[in-house]
Protein backbone atom coordinates (compact mmCIF):
# COMPACT_ATOMS: atom_id res chain seq x y z
CA MET A 1 -24.95 -9.20 -11.81
CA ALA A 2 -22.57 -11.70 -13.36
CA MET A 3 -19.90 -9.07 -13.74
CA THR A 4 -20.30 -7.98 -10.13
CA ALA A 5 -20.04 -11.56 -8.89
CA LYS A 6 -16.95 -12.17 -10.99
CA LYS A 7 -15.29 -9.03 -9.63
CA THR A 8 -16.12 -10.03 -6.05
CA VAL A 9 -14.59 -13.48 -6.55
CA SER A 10 -11.50 -11.93 -8.13
CA ILE A 11 -11.00 -9.50 -5.25
CA ALA A 12 -11.54 -12.26 -2.69
CA ALA A 13 -8.93 -14.45 -4.36
CA THR A 14 -6.49 -11.56 -4.43
CA LEU A 15 -7.08 -10.83 -0.75
CA ILE A 16 -6.39 -14.44 0.22
CA ALA A 17 -3.24 -14.74 -1.87
CA ILE A 18 -1.70 -11.45 -0.77
CA SER A 19 -2.71 -11.78 2.88
CA LEU A 20 -0.98 -15.17 3.10
CA SER A 21 2.18 -13.67 1.66
CA LEU A 22 2.19 -10.58 3.85
CA ALA A 23 1.21 -12.45 7.02
CA ALA A 24 4.20 -14.74 6.60
CA CYS A 25 6.36 -11.71 5.91
CA SER A 26 5.09 -9.86 8.97
CA SER A 27 5.86 -12.76 11.28
CA LYS A 28 9.47 -12.83 10.08
CA SER A 29 10.34 -9.17 9.88
CA GLY A 30 10.46 -8.10 13.53
CA SER A 31 10.84 -4.54 14.74
CA LYS A 32 12.99 -1.80 13.27
CA ASN A 33 16.53 -1.80 14.62
CA ASP A 34 19.62 -0.23 13.05
CA GLN A 35 21.70 -3.24 14.13
CA GLN A 36 19.28 -5.85 12.84
CA VAL A 37 19.89 -7.48 9.46
CA LEU A 38 17.41 -9.68 7.66
CA ASN A 39 18.87 -11.73 4.81
CA TRP A 40 16.06 -12.75 2.50
CA SER A 41 16.03 -14.89 -0.62
CA GLU A 42 13.28 -15.48 -3.16
CA ALA A 43 12.71 -18.32 -5.62
CA THR A 44 12.02 -15.97 -8.52
CA GLU A 45 12.89 -12.43 -9.49
CA LEU A 46 10.93 -9.45 -8.19
CA SER A 47 8.80 -7.53 -10.66
CA SER A 48 9.06 -4.17 -8.89
CA ILE A 49 9.17 -2.56 -5.45
CA ASP A 50 6.99 0.29 -6.64
CA PRO A 51 3.81 -0.21 -4.52
CA SER A 52 1.67 0.91 -7.46
CA LYS A 53 3.20 -1.58 -9.91
CA ALA A 54 4.23 -4.68 -7.94
CA THR A 55 2.30 -7.74 -9.08
CA ASP A 56 3.87 -10.83 -7.49
CA SER A 57 4.17 -12.34 -4.01
CA GLU A 58 7.97 -11.97 -4.03
CA SER A 59 7.71 -8.21 -4.52
CA PHE A 60 4.96 -8.03 -1.88
CA ASP A 61 7.30 -9.86 0.53
CA MET A 62 9.92 -7.15 0.09
CA LEU A 63 7.40 -4.34 0.40
CA GLY A 64 5.93 -5.91 3.53
CA ASN A 65 9.37 -5.96 5.14
CA SER A 66 10.42 -2.47 4.10
CA MET A 67 7.17 -0.49 4.01
CA GLU A 68 4.26 0.14 6.34
CA GLY A 69 0.66 1.09 5.65
CA LEU A 70 -2.25 2.09 7.86
CA TYR A 71 -2.37 -1.50 9.16
CA ARG A 72 -0.20 -4.59 9.10
CA LEU A 73 -1.39 -8.12 8.45
CA GLY A 74 -0.22 -10.45 11.20
CA LYS A 75 -0.63 -14.16 11.80
CA ASN A 76 -3.76 -15.60 10.17
CA SER A 77 -4.19 -12.24 8.40
CA LYS A 78 -5.07 -10.52 11.66
CA VAL A 79 -5.24 -6.76 11.19
CA GLU A 80 -2.67 -5.07 13.44
CA PRO A 81 -1.81 -1.38 13.99
CA GLY A 82 0.50 0.24 11.48
CA ILE A 83 0.71 3.98 10.90
CA ALA A 84 -2.95 4.37 11.86
CA ARG A 85 -3.04 5.03 15.61
CA SER A 86 -6.84 4.99 15.67
CA THR A 87 -9.77 4.72 13.25
CA LYS A 88 -13.22 6.28 13.38
CA ILE A 89 -15.92 4.74 11.19
CA SER A 90 -19.24 6.44 10.42
CA LYS A 91 -22.50 4.69 11.29
CA ASN A 92 -23.25 3.96 7.64
CA LYS A 93 -19.67 2.62 7.23
CA LEU A 94 -19.01 4.88 4.28
CA HIS A 95 -16.54 7.23 5.91
CA TYR A 96 -13.28 6.32 7.63
CA THR A 97 -11.12 8.77 9.53
CA PHE A 98 -7.62 7.55 10.35
CA THR A 99 -5.48 9.30 12.95
CA LEU A 100 -1.84 8.68 12.08
CA ARG A 101 1.01 7.96 14.41
CA LYS A 102 3.36 10.91 14.82
CA GLY A 103 7.07 10.39 14.33
CA ALA A 104 6.94 7.84 11.49
CA LYS A 105 9.80 8.57 9.08
CA TRP A 106 10.87 7.83 5.55
CA SER A 107 14.43 6.60 5.05
CA ASN A 108 15.27 9.97 3.48
CA GLY A 109 14.34 11.69 6.75
CA ASP A 110 10.94 13.02 5.69
CA GLU A 111 8.02 12.56 8.04
CA VAL A 112 5.25 10.21 6.93
CA THR A 113 2.03 12.22 6.74
CA ALA A 114 -1.53 11.84 5.50
CA LYS A 115 -0.50 13.55 2.27
CA ASP A 116 1.71 10.56 1.42
CA PHE A 117 -1.35 8.29 1.40
CA VAL A 118 -3.36 10.72 -0.70
CA TYR A 119 -0.56 10.99 -3.25
CA SER A 120 -0.01 7.23 -3.35
CA TRP A 121 -3.66 6.28 -3.83
CA LYS A 122 -4.23 8.86 -6.55
CA ARG A 123 -1.04 7.77 -8.33
CA THR A 124 -2.04 4.09 -8.20
CA ILE A 125 -5.59 4.69 -9.40
CA ASP A 126 -4.46 6.89 -12.31
CA PRO A 127 -4.77 4.87 -15.54
CA LYS A 128 -1.49 6.43 -16.69
CA THR A 129 0.35 4.54 -13.94
CA GLY A 130 -0.85 1.18 -15.23
CA SER A 131 -1.38 -0.52 -11.88
CA SER A 132 -2.56 -4.13 -12.19
CA TYR A 133 -4.29 -3.89 -8.82
CA SER A 134 -6.15 -0.61 -9.20
CA TYR A 135 -9.41 -2.60 -9.17
CA LEU A 136 -8.88 -3.20 -5.44
CA PHE A 137 -9.92 0.43 -4.94
CA ASP A 138 -13.44 -0.53 -5.96
CA GLY A 139 -15.70 1.00 -3.33
CA VAL A 140 -13.61 4.12 -2.74
CA ALA A 141 -15.62 7.07 -4.01
CA ASN A 142 -15.13 7.70 -7.75
CA ALA A 143 -12.51 4.93 -8.09
CA ASN A 144 -14.25 3.03 -10.88
CA ASP A 145 -14.97 6.17 -12.87
CA ILE A 146 -11.30 7.15 -12.57
CA ILE A 147 -10.13 3.71 -13.70
CA ASN A 148 -12.46 3.95 -16.71
CA GLY A 149 -11.21 7.40 -17.61
CA LYS A 150 -14.47 9.17 -16.79
CA LYS A 151 -13.12 11.26 -13.91
CA SER A 152 -9.81 12.73 -12.82
CA PRO A 153 -7.69 10.97 -10.14
CA THR A 154 -8.03 14.16 -8.12
CA THR A 155 -11.67 13.24 -7.41
CA LEU A 156 -10.80 10.03 -5.54
CA GLY A 157 -12.51 9.83 -2.15
CA ILE A 158 -9.46 10.48 -0.01
CA LYS A 159 -8.12 13.66 1.57
CA ALA A 160 -5.65 14.83 4.19
CA ASP A 161 -7.07 16.86 7.07
CA GLY A 162 -3.77 18.23 8.30
CA LYS A 163 -0.64 16.11 8.73
CA TYR A 164 -2.10 13.31 10.83
CA LYS A 165 -5.75 12.93 9.78
CA LEU A 166 -6.68 10.92 6.73
CA SER A 167 -10.29 10.81 5.53
CA VAL A 168 -11.60 8.18 3.12
CA THR A 169 -15.09 8.22 1.62
CA LEU A 170 -16.65 5.09 0.11
CA ASP A 171 -19.55 4.89 -2.31
CA LYS A 172 -20.58 1.49 -0.97
CA GLN A 173 -19.77 -0.58 2.10
CA VAL A 174 -16.61 -2.68 1.83
CA PRO A 175 -16.63 -5.31 4.62
CA TYR A 176 -12.94 -6.15 4.10
CA PHE A 177 -11.79 -2.52 3.91
CA LYS A 178 -9.44 -2.70 6.91
CA LEU A 179 -7.86 -5.84 5.50
CA LEU A 180 -7.18 -4.02 2.24
CA MET A 181 -5.22 -1.35 4.11
CA GLY A 182 -2.53 -3.92 4.90
CA PHE A 183 -1.75 -4.49 1.20
CA PRO A 184 1.13 -2.65 -0.53
CA VAL A 185 -1.05 -0.96 -3.16
CA PHE A 186 -2.58 1.07 -0.30
CA PHE A 187 0.76 1.97 1.32
CA PRO A 188 1.96 5.60 1.34
CA GLN A 189 4.48 6.88 -1.17
CA ASN A 190 6.91 9.75 -0.88
CA GLU A 191 6.11 12.15 -3.72
CA LYS A 192 9.57 13.69 -3.57
CA ALA A 193 11.19 10.29 -4.20
CA VAL A 194 8.79 9.32 -6.98
CA LYS A 195 9.56 12.54 -8.85
CA LYS A 196 13.28 12.35 -8.11
CA TYR A 197 13.74 8.84 -9.49
CA GLY A 198 11.19 9.09 -12.28
CA SER A 199 11.04 5.96 -14.44
CA ASN A 200 13.70 4.33 -12.24
CA TYR A 201 11.47 4.48 -9.15
CA GLY A 202 11.09 1.01 -7.65
CA THR A 203 13.33 -0.70 -10.23
CA GLU A 204 16.30 -1.06 -7.85
CA SER A 205 16.59 -0.81 -4.08
CA LYS A 206 18.56 2.45 -4.34
CA TYR A 207 15.71 4.05 -6.30
CA MET A 208 13.31 3.88 -3.40
CA VAL A 209 12.65 5.27 0.06
CA TYR A 210 11.24 3.15 2.88
CA ASN A 211 9.09 3.70 5.95
CA GLY A 212 8.92 0.18 7.36
CA PRO A 213 10.92 -2.10 9.67
CA PHE A 214 13.82 -2.61 7.24
CA VAL A 215 15.59 -0.78 4.42
CA MET A 216 16.12 -2.89 1.35
CA LYS A 217 19.65 -3.03 -0.06
CA ASN A 218 21.63 -4.72 -2.84
CA TRP A 219 18.78 -5.40 -5.24
CA THR A 220 19.79 -4.14 -8.67
CA GLY A 221 16.67 -5.11 -10.56
CA SER A 222 18.20 -8.23 -12.03
CA ASN A 223 19.54 -10.23 -9.08
CA LEU A 224 17.45 -12.40 -6.77
CA SER A 225 16.91 -10.73 -3.38
């Protein structure tokens, strides 16, 4: 019981910290426009813009401006529509079916599909990736066993039903599940880009593809953004 309570407190603290960061980011970013430029500075260096590996609020700021998940976190952490056009929740609240918005694009021209979420979640939860926030997947079917090396990442409770239907199965109710979907660790990732850039993925703005309001430029991995 003590361990469960400690984990719950840890997750709650993480939710509060990240939601404050992303809510502020969301209010500043605006809508996508090829003629719109957002100049952004941070007090400290970014750790990464790889959604699986980012650990700090500065990196989450950049990901919130340049990427989009199933939902966005607006003012006061209000959950707002992102790529999820609609959501169906089972009566026992253990199964979520997200219908995705058609026409969402990656900056490399690829369409954003349900498969991008499946790939991203399984990559993040894989112990080999070394994500510091993989514990946030607690509640998604088989997540804890995968983190502990007892099951393969392929068994995670998420699947694509075609291009625009995403199904997520939980092994327990997660009251803040929709809120979690607005955090970068749950954002989609383009498998083609991850494999293309390899170990460079997310280490500089040019080693990344984006699906959000803005495209990040001029970050070389060592300069403040």
